[in-house]
PDB file of N, CA and C in Angstrom:
ATOM      1  N   MET A   1     -25.201 -13.463   1.577  1.00  0.00           N
ATOM      2  CA  MET A   1     -26.273 -12.768   0.884  1.00  0.00           C
ATOM      3  C   MET A   1     -25.834 -12.513  -0.545  1.00  0.00           C
ATOM      4  N   LYS A   2     -26.654 -12.917  -1.492  1.00  0.00           N
ATOM      5  CA  LYS A   2     -26.342 -12.724  -2.906  1.00  0.00           C
ATOM      6  C   LYS A   2     -26.718 -11.309  -3.321  1.00  0.00           C
ATOM      7  N   PRO A   3     -25.824 -10.578  -3.997  1.00  0.00           N
ATOM      8  CA  PRO A   3     -26.154  -9.223  -4.442  1.00  0.00           C
ATOM      9  C   PRO A   3     -27.316  -9.236  -5.430  1.00  0.00           C
ATOM     10  N   VAL A   4     -28.131  -8.205  -5.411  1.00  0.00           N
ATOM     11  CA  VAL A   4     -29.267  -8.089  -6.318  1.00  0.00           C
ATOM     12  C   VAL A   4     -28.886  -7.187  -7.475  1.00  0.00           C
ATOM     13  N   THR A   5     -29.170  -7.642  -8.665  1.00  0.00           N
ATOM     14  CA  THR A   5     -28.921  -6.844  -9.854  1.00  0.00           C
ATOM     15  C   THR A   5     -30.176  -6.047 -10.182  1.00  0.00           C
ATOM     16  N   VAL A   6     -30.045  -4.739 -10.328  1.00  0.00           N
ATOM     17  CA  VAL A   6     -31.170  -3.893 -10.693  1.00  0.00           C
ATOM     18  C   VAL A   6     -31.283  -3.893 -12.212  1.00  0.00           C
ATOM     19  N   THR A   7     -32.475  -4.200 -12.708  1.00  0.00           N
ATOM     20  CA  THR A   7     -32.677  -4.261 -14.154  1.00  0.00           C
ATOM     21  C   THR A   7     -33.848  -3.393 -14.553  1.00  0.00           C
ATOM     22  N   SER A   8     -34.020  -3.219 -15.828  1.00  0.00           N
ATOM     23  CA  SER A   8     -35.161  -2.458 -16.317  1.00  0.00           C
ATOM     24  C   SER A   8     -36.189  -3.368 -16.981  1.00  0.00           C
ATOM     25  N   ASN A   9     -36.005  -4.694 -16.884  1.00  0.00           N
ATOM     26  CA  ASN A   9     -36.930  -5.590 -17.575  1.00  0.00           C
ATOM     27  C   ASN A   9     -37.688  -6.519 -16.641  1.00  0.00           C
ATOM     28  N   GLY A  10     -37.749  -6.229 -15.338  1.00  0.00           N
ATOM     29  CA  GLY A  10     -38.521  -7.031 -14.406  1.00  0.00           C
ATOM     30  C   GLY A  10     -37.868  -8.339 -14.007  1.00  0.00           C
ATOM     31  N   THR A  11     -36.544  -8.408 -14.080  1.00  0.00           N
ATOM     32  CA  THR A  11     -35.857  -9.621 -13.636  1.00  0.00           C
ATOM     33  C   THR A  11     -35.007  -9.293 -12.425  1.00  0.00           C
ATOM     34  N   ARG A  12     -34.724 -10.305 -11.622  1.00  0.00           N
ATOM     35  CA  ARG A  12     -33.843 -10.162 -10.464  1.00  0.00           C
ATOM     36  C   ARG A  12     -32.780 -11.234 -10.616  1.00  0.00           C
ATOM     37  N   ASN A  13     -31.520 -10.808 -10.751  1.00  0.00           N
ATOM     38  CA  ASN A  13     -30.410 -11.735 -10.981  1.00  0.00           C
ATOM     39  C   ASN A  13     -30.677 -12.654 -12.164  1.00  0.00           C
ATOM     40  N   GLY A  14     -31.284 -12.086 -13.211  1.00  0.00           N
ATOM     41  CA  GLY A  14     -31.500 -12.818 -14.449  1.00  0.00           C
ATOM     42  C   GLY A  14     -32.734 -13.694 -14.476  1.00  0.00           C
ATOM     43  N   VAL A  15     -33.539 -13.713 -13.389  1.00  0.00           N
ATOM     44  CA  VAL A  15     -34.731 -14.553 -13.313  1.00  0.00           C
ATOM     45  C   VAL A  15     -35.958 -13.654 -13.236  1.00  0.00           C
ATOM     46  N   GLU A  16     -37.011 -14.001 -13.982  1.00  0.00           N
ATOM     47  CA  GLU A  16     -38.252 -13.227 -13.951  1.00  0.00           C
ATOM     48  C   GLU A  16     -38.755 -13.136 -12.520  1.00  0.00           C
ATOM     49  N   ASP A  17     -39.056 -11.920 -12.049  1.00  0.00           N
ATOM     50  CA  ASP A  17     -39.448 -11.729 -10.656  1.00  0.00           C
ATOM     51  C   ASP A  17     -40.310 -10.479 -10.554  1.00  0.00           C
ATOM     52  N   SER A  18     -41.531 -10.625 -10.036  1.00  0.00           N
ATOM     53  CA  SER A  18     -42.429  -9.478  -9.912  1.00  0.00           C
ATOM     54  C   SER A  18     -41.948  -8.497  -8.858  1.00  0.00           C
ATOM     55  N   ARG A  19     -41.033  -8.928  -7.951  1.00  0.00           N
ATOM     56  CA  ARG A  19     -40.485  -8.040  -6.917  1.00  0.00           C
ATOM     57  C   ARG A  19     -39.239  -7.308  -7.384  1.00  0.00           C
ATOM     58  N   ALA A  20     -38.798  -7.561  -8.620  1.00  0.00           N
ATOM     59  CA  ALA A  20     -37.571  -6.939  -9.113  1.00  0.00           C
ATOM     60  C   ALA A  20     -37.727  -5.423  -9.137  1.00  0.00           C
ATOM     61  N   ASP A  21     -36.667  -4.743  -8.800  1.00  0.00           N
ATOM     62  CA  ASP A  21     -36.664  -3.279  -8.782  1.00  0.00           C
ATOM     63  C   ASP A  21     -36.390  -2.799 -10.192  1.00  0.00           C
ATOM     64  N   ILE A  22     -37.361  -2.121 -10.802  1.00  0.00           N
ATOM     65  CA  ILE A  22     -37.187  -1.707 -12.188  1.00  0.00           C
ATOM     66  C   ILE A  22     -36.892  -0.213 -12.320  1.00  0.00           C
ATOM     67  N   ARG A  23     -36.595   0.444 -11.185  1.00  0.00           N
ATOM     68  CA  ARG A  23     -36.189   1.855 -11.259  1.00  0.00           C
ATOM     69  C   ARG A  23     -34.797   1.935 -11.865  1.00  0.00           C
ATOM     70  N   THR A  24     -34.509   3.041 -12.522  1.00  0.00           N
ATOM     71  CA  THR A  24     -33.178   3.270 -13.055  1.00  0.00           C
ATOM     72  C   THR A  24     -32.369   4.028 -12.015  1.00  0.00           C
ATOM     73  N   PRO A  25     -31.233   3.469 -11.570  1.00  0.00           N
ATOM     74  CA  PRO A  25     -30.432   4.169 -10.569  1.00  0.00           C
ATOM     75  C   PRO A  25     -29.917   5.506 -11.092  1.00  0.00           C
ATOM     76  N   ALA A  26     -29.985   6.530 -10.254  1.00  0.00           N
ATOM     77  CA  ALA A  26     -29.442   7.829 -10.634  1.00  0.00           C
ATOM     78  C   ALA A  26     -27.921   7.780 -10.604  1.00  0.00           C
ATOM     79  N   LEU A  27     -27.386   7.120  -9.611  1.00  0.00           N
ATOM     80  CA  LEU A  27     -25.941   6.991  -9.428  1.00  0.00           C
ATOM     81  C   LEU A  27     -25.658   5.641  -8.784  1.00  0.00           C
ATOM     82  N   TRP A  28     -24.379   5.355  -8.589  1.00  0.00           N
ATOM     83  CA  TRP A  28     -23.952   4.095  -7.982  1.00  0.00           C
ATOM     84  C   TRP A  28     -22.995   4.366  -6.839  1.00  0.00           C
ATOM     85  N   GLY A  29     -22.919   3.445  -5.900  1.00  0.00           N
ATOM     86  CA  GLY A  29     -21.995   3.544  -4.782  1.00  0.00           C
ATOM     87  C   GLY A  29     -21.346   2.203  -4.530  1.00  0.00           C
ATOM     88  N   VAL A  30     -20.352   2.221  -3.647  1.00  0.00           N
ATOM     89  CA  VAL A  30     -19.690   0.973  -3.270  1.00  0.00           C
ATOM     90  C   VAL A  30     -19.534   0.970  -1.754  1.00  0.00           C
ATOM     91  N   VAL A  31     -19.894  -0.164  -1.144  1.00  0.00           N
ATOM     92  CA  VAL A  31     -19.825  -0.344   0.303  1.00  0.00           C
ATOM     93  C   VAL A  31     -18.673  -1.295   0.602  1.00  0.00           C
ATOM     94  N   ARG A  32     -17.781  -0.885   1.512  1.00  0.00           N
ATOM     95  CA  ARG A  32     -16.666  -1.752   1.913  1.00  0.00           C
ATOM     96  C   ARG A  32     -16.971  -2.329   3.288  1.00  0.00           C
ATOM     97  N   PHE A  33     -16.680  -3.615   3.467  1.00  0.00           N
ATOM     98  CA  PHE A  33     -16.958  -4.304   4.719  1.00  0.00           C
ATOM     99  C   PHE A  33     -15.681  -4.552   5.503  1.00  0.00           C
ATOM    100  N   GLU A  34     -15.834  -4.590   6.838  1.00  0.00           N
ATOM    101  CA  GLU A  34     -14.735  -4.959   7.725  1.00  0.00           C
ATOM    102  C   GLU A  34     -14.410  -6.431   7.505  1.00  0.00           C
ATOM    103  N   PRO A  35     -13.168  -6.841   7.746  1.00  0.00           N
ATOM    104  CA  PRO A  35     -12.848  -8.268   7.660  1.00  0.00           C
ATOM    105  C   PRO A  35     -13.667  -9.057   8.687  1.00  0.00           C
ATOM    106  N   GLY A  36     -14.026 -10.277   8.346  1.00  0.00           N
ATOM    107  CA  GLY A  36     -14.772 -11.136   9.264  1.00  0.00           C
ATOM    108  C   GLY A  36     -16.091 -11.584   8.679  1.00  0.00           C
ATOM    109  N   ALA A  37     -16.703 -12.517   9.347  1.00  0.00           N
ATOM    110  CA  ALA A  37     -17.933 -13.133   8.863  1.00  0.00           C
ATOM    111  C   ALA A  37     -19.160 -12.235   9.021  1.00  0.00           C
ATOM    112  N   GLU A  38     -19.113 -11.237   9.899  1.00  0.00           N
ATOM    113  CA  GLU A  38     -20.288 -10.403  10.164  1.00  0.00           C
ATOM    114  C   GLU A  38     -20.579  -9.393   9.069  1.00  0.00           C
ATOM    115  N   ARG A  39     -19.601  -9.090   8.242  1.00  0.00           N
ATOM    116  CA  ARG A  39     -19.741  -8.123   7.138  1.00  0.00           C
ATOM    117  C   ARG A  39     -20.266  -6.775   7.626  1.00  0.00           C
ATOM    118  N   ARG A  40     -19.645  -6.249   8.668  1.00  0.00           N
ATOM    119  CA  ARG A  40     -19.998  -4.903   9.138  1.00  0.00           C
ATOM    120  C   ARG A  40     -19.465  -3.877   8.146  1.00  0.00           C
ATOM    121  N   VAL A  41     -20.260  -2.856   7.907  1.00  0.00           N
ATOM    122  CA  VAL A  41     -19.868  -1.813   6.967  1.00  0.00           C
ATOM    123  C   VAL A  41     -18.716  -1.018   7.546  1.00  0.00           C
ATOM    124  N   ARG A  42     -17.647  -0.912   6.785  1.00  0.00           N
ATOM    125  CA  ARG A  42     -16.483  -0.114   7.184  1.00  0.00           C
ATOM    126  C   ARG A  42     -16.637   1.319   6.689  1.00  0.00           C
ATOM    127  N   ASP A  43     -16.943   1.473   5.412  1.00  0.00           N
ATOM    128  CA  ASP A  43     -17.210   2.789   4.849  1.00  0.00           C
ATOM    129  C   ASP A  43     -17.920   2.639   3.516  1.00  0.00           C
ATOM    130  N   THR A  44     -18.371   3.782   3.007  1.00  0.00           N
ATOM    131  CA  THR A  44     -19.134   3.818   1.764  1.00  0.00           C
ATOM    132  C   THR A  44     -18.623   4.968   0.909  1.00  0.00           C
ATOM    133  N   MET A  45     -18.514   4.729  -0.376  1.00  0.00           N
ATOM    134  CA  MET A  45     -18.141   5.771  -1.325  1.00  0.00           C
ATOM    135  C   MET A  45     -19.271   5.848  -2.349  1.00  0.00           C
ATOM    136  N   ILE A  46     -19.787   7.051  -2.591  1.00  0.00           N
ATOM    137  CA  ILE A  46     -20.930   7.193  -3.498  1.00  0.00           C
ATOM    138  C   ILE A  46     -20.624   8.124  -4.656  1.00  0.00           C
ATOM    139  N   THR A  47     -21.604   8.250  -5.493  1.00  0.00           N
ATOM    140  CA  THR A  47     -21.674   9.125  -6.663  1.00  0.00           C
ATOM    141  C   THR A  47     -20.764   8.707  -7.817  1.00  0.00           C
ATOM    142  N   PHE A  48     -20.885   7.468  -8.202  1.00  0.00           N
ATOM    143  CA  PHE A  48     -20.269   7.004  -9.443  1.00  0.00           C
ATOM    144  C   PHE A  48     -21.351   6.977 -10.516  1.00  0.00           C
ATOM    145  N   ASP A  49     -20.974   7.273 -11.744  1.00  0.00           N
ATOM    146  CA  ASP A  49     -21.935   7.315 -12.839  1.00  0.00           C
ATOM    147  C   ASP A  49     -22.362   5.935 -13.322  1.00  0.00           C
ATOM    148  N   SER A  50     -21.597   4.896 -12.996  1.00  0.00           N
ATOM    149  CA  SER A  50     -21.950   3.551 -13.435  1.00  0.00           C
ATOM    150  C   SER A  50     -21.476   2.530 -12.407  1.00  0.00           C
ATOM    151  N   ALA A  51     -22.068   1.348 -12.465  1.00  0.00           N
ATOM    152  CA  ALA A  51     -21.635   0.266 -11.581  1.00  0.00           C
ATOM    153  C   ALA A  51     -20.198  -0.117 -11.890  1.00  0.00           C
ATOM    154  N   ALA A  52     -19.834  -0.071 -13.157  1.00  0.00           N
ATOM    155  CA  ALA A  52     -18.462  -0.432 -13.551  1.00  0.00           C
ATOM    156  C   ALA A  52     -17.438   0.528 -12.959  1.00  0.00           C
ATOM    157  N   SER A  53     -17.751   1.823 -12.919  1.00  0.00           N
ATOM    158  CA  SER A  53     -16.792   2.778 -12.361  1.00  0.00           C
ATOM    159  C   SER A  53     -16.682   2.626 -10.845  1.00  0.00           C
ATOM    160  N   ALA A  54     -17.782   2.275 -10.172  1.00  0.00           N
ATOM    161  CA  ALA A  54     -17.727   2.008  -8.727  1.00  0.00           C
ATOM    162  C   ALA A  54     -16.888   0.766  -8.449  1.00  0.00           C
ATOM    163  N   ASP A  55     -17.071  -0.263  -9.258  1.00  0.00           N
ATOM    164  CA  ASP A  55     -16.306  -1.495  -9.128  1.00  0.00           C
ATOM    165  C   ASP A  55     -14.821  -1.233  -9.368  1.00  0.00           C
ATOM    166  N   LEU A  56     -14.510  -0.458 -10.388  1.00  0.00           N
ATOM    167  CA  LEU A  56     -13.121  -0.125 -10.701  1.00  0.00           C
ATOM    168  C   LEU A  56     -12.475   0.643  -9.548  1.00  0.00           C
ATOM    169  N   PHE A  57     -13.213   1.579  -8.939  1.00  0.00           N
ATOM    170  CA  PHE A  57     -12.701   2.322  -7.793  1.00  0.00           C
ATOM    171  C   PHE A  57     -12.287   1.365  -6.673  1.00  0.00           C
ATOM    172  N   ALA A  58     -13.171   0.405  -6.353  1.00  0.00           N
ATOM    173  CA  ALA A  58     -12.884  -0.545  -5.274  1.00  0.00           C
ATOM    174  C   ALA A  58     -11.651  -1.390  -5.605  1.00  0.00           C
ATOM    175  N   ILE A  59     -11.563  -1.844  -6.823  1.00  0.00           N
ATOM    176  CA  ILE A  59     -10.425  -2.671  -7.238  1.00  0.00           C
ATOM    177  C   ILE A  59      -9.126  -1.871  -7.187  1.00  0.00           C
ATOM    178  N   GLU A  60      -9.143  -0.663  -7.740  1.00  0.00           N
ATOM    179  CA  GLU A  60      -7.934   0.170  -7.769  1.00  0.00           C
ATOM    180  C   GLU A  60      -7.468   0.573  -6.380  1.00  0.00           C
ATOM    181  N   ASN A  61      -8.391   0.621  -5.412  1.00  0.00           N
ATOM    182  CA  ASN A  61      -8.032   1.003  -4.046  1.00  0.00           C
ATOM    183  C   ASN A  61      -7.797  -0.194  -3.136  1.00  0.00           C
ATOM    184  N   GLY A  62      -7.767  -1.387  -3.711  1.00  0.00           N
ATOM    185  CA  GLY A  62      -7.435  -2.582  -2.943  1.00  0.00           C
ATOM    186  C   GLY A  62      -8.523  -3.065  -2.009  1.00  0.00           C
ATOM    187  N   TRP A  63      -9.777  -2.691  -2.271  1.00  0.00           N
ATOM    188  CA  TRP A  63     -10.869  -3.176  -1.442  1.00  0.00           C
ATOM    189  C   TRP A  63     -11.123  -4.627  -1.831  1.00  0.00           C
ATOM    190  N   HIS A  64     -11.183  -5.525  -0.837  1.00  0.00           N
ATOM    191  CA  HIS A  64     -11.369  -6.938  -1.127  1.00  0.00           C
ATOM    192  C   HIS A  64     -12.787  -7.417  -0.862  1.00  0.00           C
ATOM    193  N   ASP A  65     -13.410  -6.932   0.187  1.00  0.00           N
ATOM    194  CA  ASP A  65     -14.773  -7.334   0.522  1.00  0.00           C
ATOM    195  C   ASP A  65     -15.669  -6.113   0.383  1.00  0.00           C
ATOM    196  N   TYR A  66     -16.360  -6.012  -0.744  1.00  0.00           N
ATOM    197  CA  TYR A  66     -17.186  -4.840  -1.029  1.00  0.00           C
ATOM    198  C   TYR A  66     -18.378  -5.249  -1.875  1.00  0.00           C
ATOM    199  N   GLN A  67     -19.339  -4.322  -1.979  1.00  0.00           N
ATOM    200  CA  GLN A  67     -20.499  -4.546  -2.832  1.00  0.00           C
ATOM    201  C   GLN A  67     -20.865  -3.242  -3.518  1.00  0.00           C
ATOM    202  N   VAL A  68     -21.059  -3.296  -4.812  1.00  0.00           N
ATOM    203  CA  VAL A  68     -21.534  -2.152  -5.587  1.00  0.00           C
ATOM    204  C   VAL A  68     -23.055  -2.124  -5.479  1.00  0.00           C
ATOM    205  N   THR A  69     -23.603  -0.925  -5.280  1.00  0.00           N
ATOM    206  CA  THR A  69     -25.043  -0.814  -5.079  1.00  0.00           C
ATOM    207  C   THR A  69     -25.616   0.394  -5.830  1.00  0.00           C
ATOM    208  N   PRO A  70     -26.842   0.271  -6.337  1.00  0.00           N
ATOM    209  CA  PRO A  70     -27.490   1.421  -6.977  1.00  0.00           C
ATOM    210  C   PRO A  70     -27.921   2.420  -5.912  1.00  0.00           C
ATOM    211  N   LEU A  71     -27.924   3.696  -6.269  1.00  0.00           N
ATOM    212  CA  LEU A  71     -28.369   4.749  -5.357  1.00  0.00           C
ATOM    213  C   LEU A  71     -29.641   5.367  -5.904  1.00  0.00           C
ATOM    214  N   PHE A  72     -30.621   5.512  -5.050  1.00  0.00           N
ATOM    215  CA  PHE A  72     -31.880   6.141  -5.415  1.00  0.00           C
ATOM    216  C   PHE A  72     -32.111   7.301  -4.456  1.00  0.00           C
ATOM    217  N   PHE A  73     -32.761   8.359  -4.923  1.00  0.00           N
ATOM    218  CA  PHE A  73     -33.004   9.539  -4.112  1.00  0.00           C
ATOM    219  C   PHE A  73     -34.495   9.805  -4.055  1.00  0.00           C
ATOM    220  N   PHE A  74     -34.955  10.341  -2.941  1.00  0.00           N
ATOM    221  CA  PHE A  74     -36.360  10.655  -2.772  1.00  0.00           C
ATOM    222  C   PHE A  74     -36.653  12.024  -3.372  1.00  0.00           C
ATOM    223  N   VAL A  75     -36.718  12.054  -4.691  1.00  0.00           N
ATOM    224  CA  VAL A  75     -37.060  13.271  -5.422  1.00  0.00           C
ATOM    225  C   VAL A  75     -38.101  12.912  -6.460  1.00  0.00           C
ATOM    226  N   GLU A  76     -38.783  13.910  -6.963  1.00  0.00           N
ATOM    227  CA  GLU A  76     -39.845  13.678  -7.932  1.00  0.00           C
ATOM    228  C   GLU A  76     -39.377  14.007  -9.344  1.00  0.00           C
ATOM    229  N   ASN A  77     -39.785  13.166 -10.277  1.00  0.00           N
ATOM    230  CA  ASN A  77     -39.592  13.417 -11.709  1.00  0.00           C
ATOM    231  C   ASN A  77     -38.149  13.691 -12.099  1.00  0.00           C
ATOM    232  N   VAL A  78     -37.270  12.790 -11.771  1.00  0.00           N
ATOM    233  CA  VAL A  78     -35.867  12.935 -12.164  1.00  0.00           C
ATOM    234  C   VAL A  78     -35.623  12.064 -13.378  1.00  0.00           C
ATOM    235  N   SER A  79     -35.047  12.641 -14.415  1.00  0.00           N
ATOM    236  CA  SER A  79     -34.657  11.854 -15.575  1.00  0.00           C
ATOM    237  C   SER A  79     -33.161  12.019 -15.771  1.00  0.00           C
ATOM    238  N   ARG A  80     -32.520  10.958 -16.209  1.00  0.00           N
ATOM    239  CA  ARG A  80     -31.070  10.972 -16.393  1.00  0.00           C
ATOM    240  C   ARG A  80     -30.715  11.856 -17.592  1.00  0.00           C
ATOM    241  N   GLN A  81     -29.785  12.745 -17.403  1.00  0.00           N
ATOM    242  CA  GLN A  81     -29.344  13.633 -18.463  1.00  0.00           C
ATOM    243  C   GLN A  81     -27.956  13.194 -18.924  1.00  0.00           C
ATOM    244  N   VAL A  82     -27.797  13.005 -20.196  1.00  0.00           N
ATOM    245  CA  VAL A  82     -26.509  12.583 -20.735  1.00  0.00           C
ATOM    246  C   VAL A  82     -25.497  13.696 -20.544  1.00  0.00           C
ATOM    247  N   GLY A  83     -24.327  13.337 -20.039  1.00  0.00           N
ATOM    248  CA  GLY A  83     -23.239  14.290 -19.935  1.00  0.00           C
ATOM    249  C   GLY A  83     -23.212  15.132 -18.681  1.00  0.00           C
ATOM    250  N   GLY A  84     -24.123  14.936 -17.740  1.00  0.00           N
ATOM    251  CA  GLY A  84     -24.061  15.740 -16.530  1.00  0.00           C
ATOM    252  C   GLY A  84     -25.125  15.387 -15.530  1.00  0.00           C
ATOM    253  N   ARG A  85     -24.994  15.978 -14.362  1.00  0.00           N
ATOM    254  CA  ARG A  85     -25.929  15.714 -13.269  1.00  0.00           C
ATOM    255  C   ARG A  85     -26.772  16.929 -12.945  1.00  0.00           C
ATOM    256  N   SER A  86     -26.813  17.922 -13.802  1.00  0.00           N
ATOM    257  CA  SER A  86     -27.486  19.169 -13.454  1.00  0.00           C
ATOM    258  C   SER A  86     -28.965  18.971 -13.152  1.00  0.00           C
ATOM    259  N   GLN A  87     -29.651  18.094 -13.875  1.00  0.00           N
ATOM    260  CA  GLN A  87     -31.059  17.865 -13.622  1.00  0.00           C
ATOM    261  C   GLN A  87     -31.269  17.208 -12.261  1.00  0.00           C
ATOM    262  N   LEU A  88     -30.429  16.236 -11.913  1.00  0.00           N
ATOM    263  CA  LEU A  88     -30.510  15.581 -10.613  1.00  0.00           C
ATOM    264  C   LEU A  88     -30.234  16.576  -9.496  1.00  0.00           C
ATOM    265  N   GLU A  89     -29.209  17.398  -9.663  1.00  0.00           N
ATOM    266  CA  GLU A  89     -28.878  18.383  -8.645  1.00  0.00           C
ATOM    267  C   GLU A  89     -30.019  19.378  -8.448  1.00  0.00           C
ATOM    268  N   ALA A  90     -30.672  19.778  -9.528  1.00  0.00           N
ATOM    269  CA  ALA A  90     -31.796  20.703  -9.427  1.00  0.00           C
ATOM    270  C   ALA A  90     -32.972  20.050  -8.696  1.00  0.00           C
ATOM    271  N   ALA A  91     -33.236  18.776  -9.004  1.00  0.00           N
ATOM    272  CA  ALA A  91     -34.325  18.064  -8.335  1.00  0.00           C
ATOM    273  C   ALA A  91     -34.035  17.891  -6.847  1.00  0.00           C
ATOM    274  N   LEU A  92     -32.796  17.592  -6.500  1.00  0.00           N
ATOM    275  CA  LEU A  92     -32.423  17.467  -5.092  1.00  0.00           C
ATOM    276  C   LEU A  92     -32.594  18.796  -4.359  1.00  0.00           C
ATOM    277  N   ALA A  93     -32.231  19.886  -5.014  1.00  0.00           N
ATOM    278  CA  ALA A  93     -32.382  21.212  -4.406  1.00  0.00           C
ATOM    279  C   ALA A  93     -33.862  21.526  -4.191  1.00  0.00           C
ATOM    280  N   ARG A  94     -34.723  21.186  -5.165  1.00  0.00           N
ATOM    281  CA  ARG A  94     -36.154  21.419  -5.006  1.00  0.00           C
ATOM    282  C   ARG A  94     -36.714  20.584  -3.867  1.00  0.00           C
ATOM    283  N   ALA A  95     -36.277  19.328  -3.764  1.00  0.00           N
ATOM    284  CA  ALA A  95     -36.764  18.437  -2.705  1.00  0.00           C
ATOM    285  C   ALA A  95     -36.364  18.954  -1.325  1.00  0.00           C
ATOM    286  N   ALA A  96     -35.193  19.535  -1.221  1.00  0.00           N
ATOM    287  CA  ALA A  96     -34.725  20.051   0.065  1.00  0.00           C
ATOM    288  C   ALA A  96     -35.546  21.255   0.509  1.00  0.00           C
ATOM    289  N   ARG A  97     -36.100  22.003  -0.450  1.00  0.00           N
ATOM    290  CA  ARG A  97     -36.886  23.197  -0.130  1.00  0.00           C
ATOM    291  C   ARG A  97     -38.372  22.913  -0.014  1.00  0.00           C
ATOM    292  N   ARG A  98     -38.808  21.702  -0.378  1.00  0.00           N
ATOM    293  CA  ARG A  98     -40.235  21.374  -0.423  1.00  0.00           C
ATOM    294  C   ARG A  98     -40.815  21.397   0.985  1.00  0.00           C
ATOM    295  N   PRO A  99     -41.921  22.110   1.196  1.00  0.00           N
ATOM    296  CA  PRO A  99     -42.529  22.172   2.524  1.00  0.00           C
ATOM    297  C   PRO A  99     -43.301  20.896   2.831  1.00  0.00           C
ATOM    298  N   GLY A 100     -43.560  20.660   4.094  1.00  0.00           N
ATOM    299  CA  GLY A 100     -44.391  19.537   4.521  1.00  0.00           C
ATOM    300  C   GLY A 100     -43.571  18.338   4.956  1.00  0.00           C
ATOM    301  N   PRO A 101     -44.264  17.335   5.476  1.00  0.00           N
ATOM    302  CA  PRO A 101     -43.575  16.128   5.964  1.00  0.00           C
ATOM    303  C   PRO A 101     -42.992  15.317   4.817  1.00  0.00           C
ATOM    304  N   ARG A 102     -41.962  14.550   5.140  1.00  0.00           N
ATOM    305  CA  ARG A 102     -41.326  13.708   4.126  1.00  0.00           C
ATOM    306  C   ARG A 102     -41.423  12.268   4.529  1.00  0.00           C
TER     307      ARG A 102
END
């Protein structure tokens, strides 16, 4: 399976695609796979500020079979704040308290 690159210009892996995900990831994570052809998930590490920092984490920890992935949260009206996650944390707290079905 080829990894999908999330972009903001409507492309998927560099090719124009109407199905491309144009959301901006709030954070990034890295998934490590068990050895073997089945690629079963061994573990996941989340909350990196960039794909590069998630990739660096995997490399520095000797992970050989892994995939960096964007993380999205089911919250309303979240905008990325430079220098911190306070806005995201506040939105997550509001979503957790929101009444009704999800």
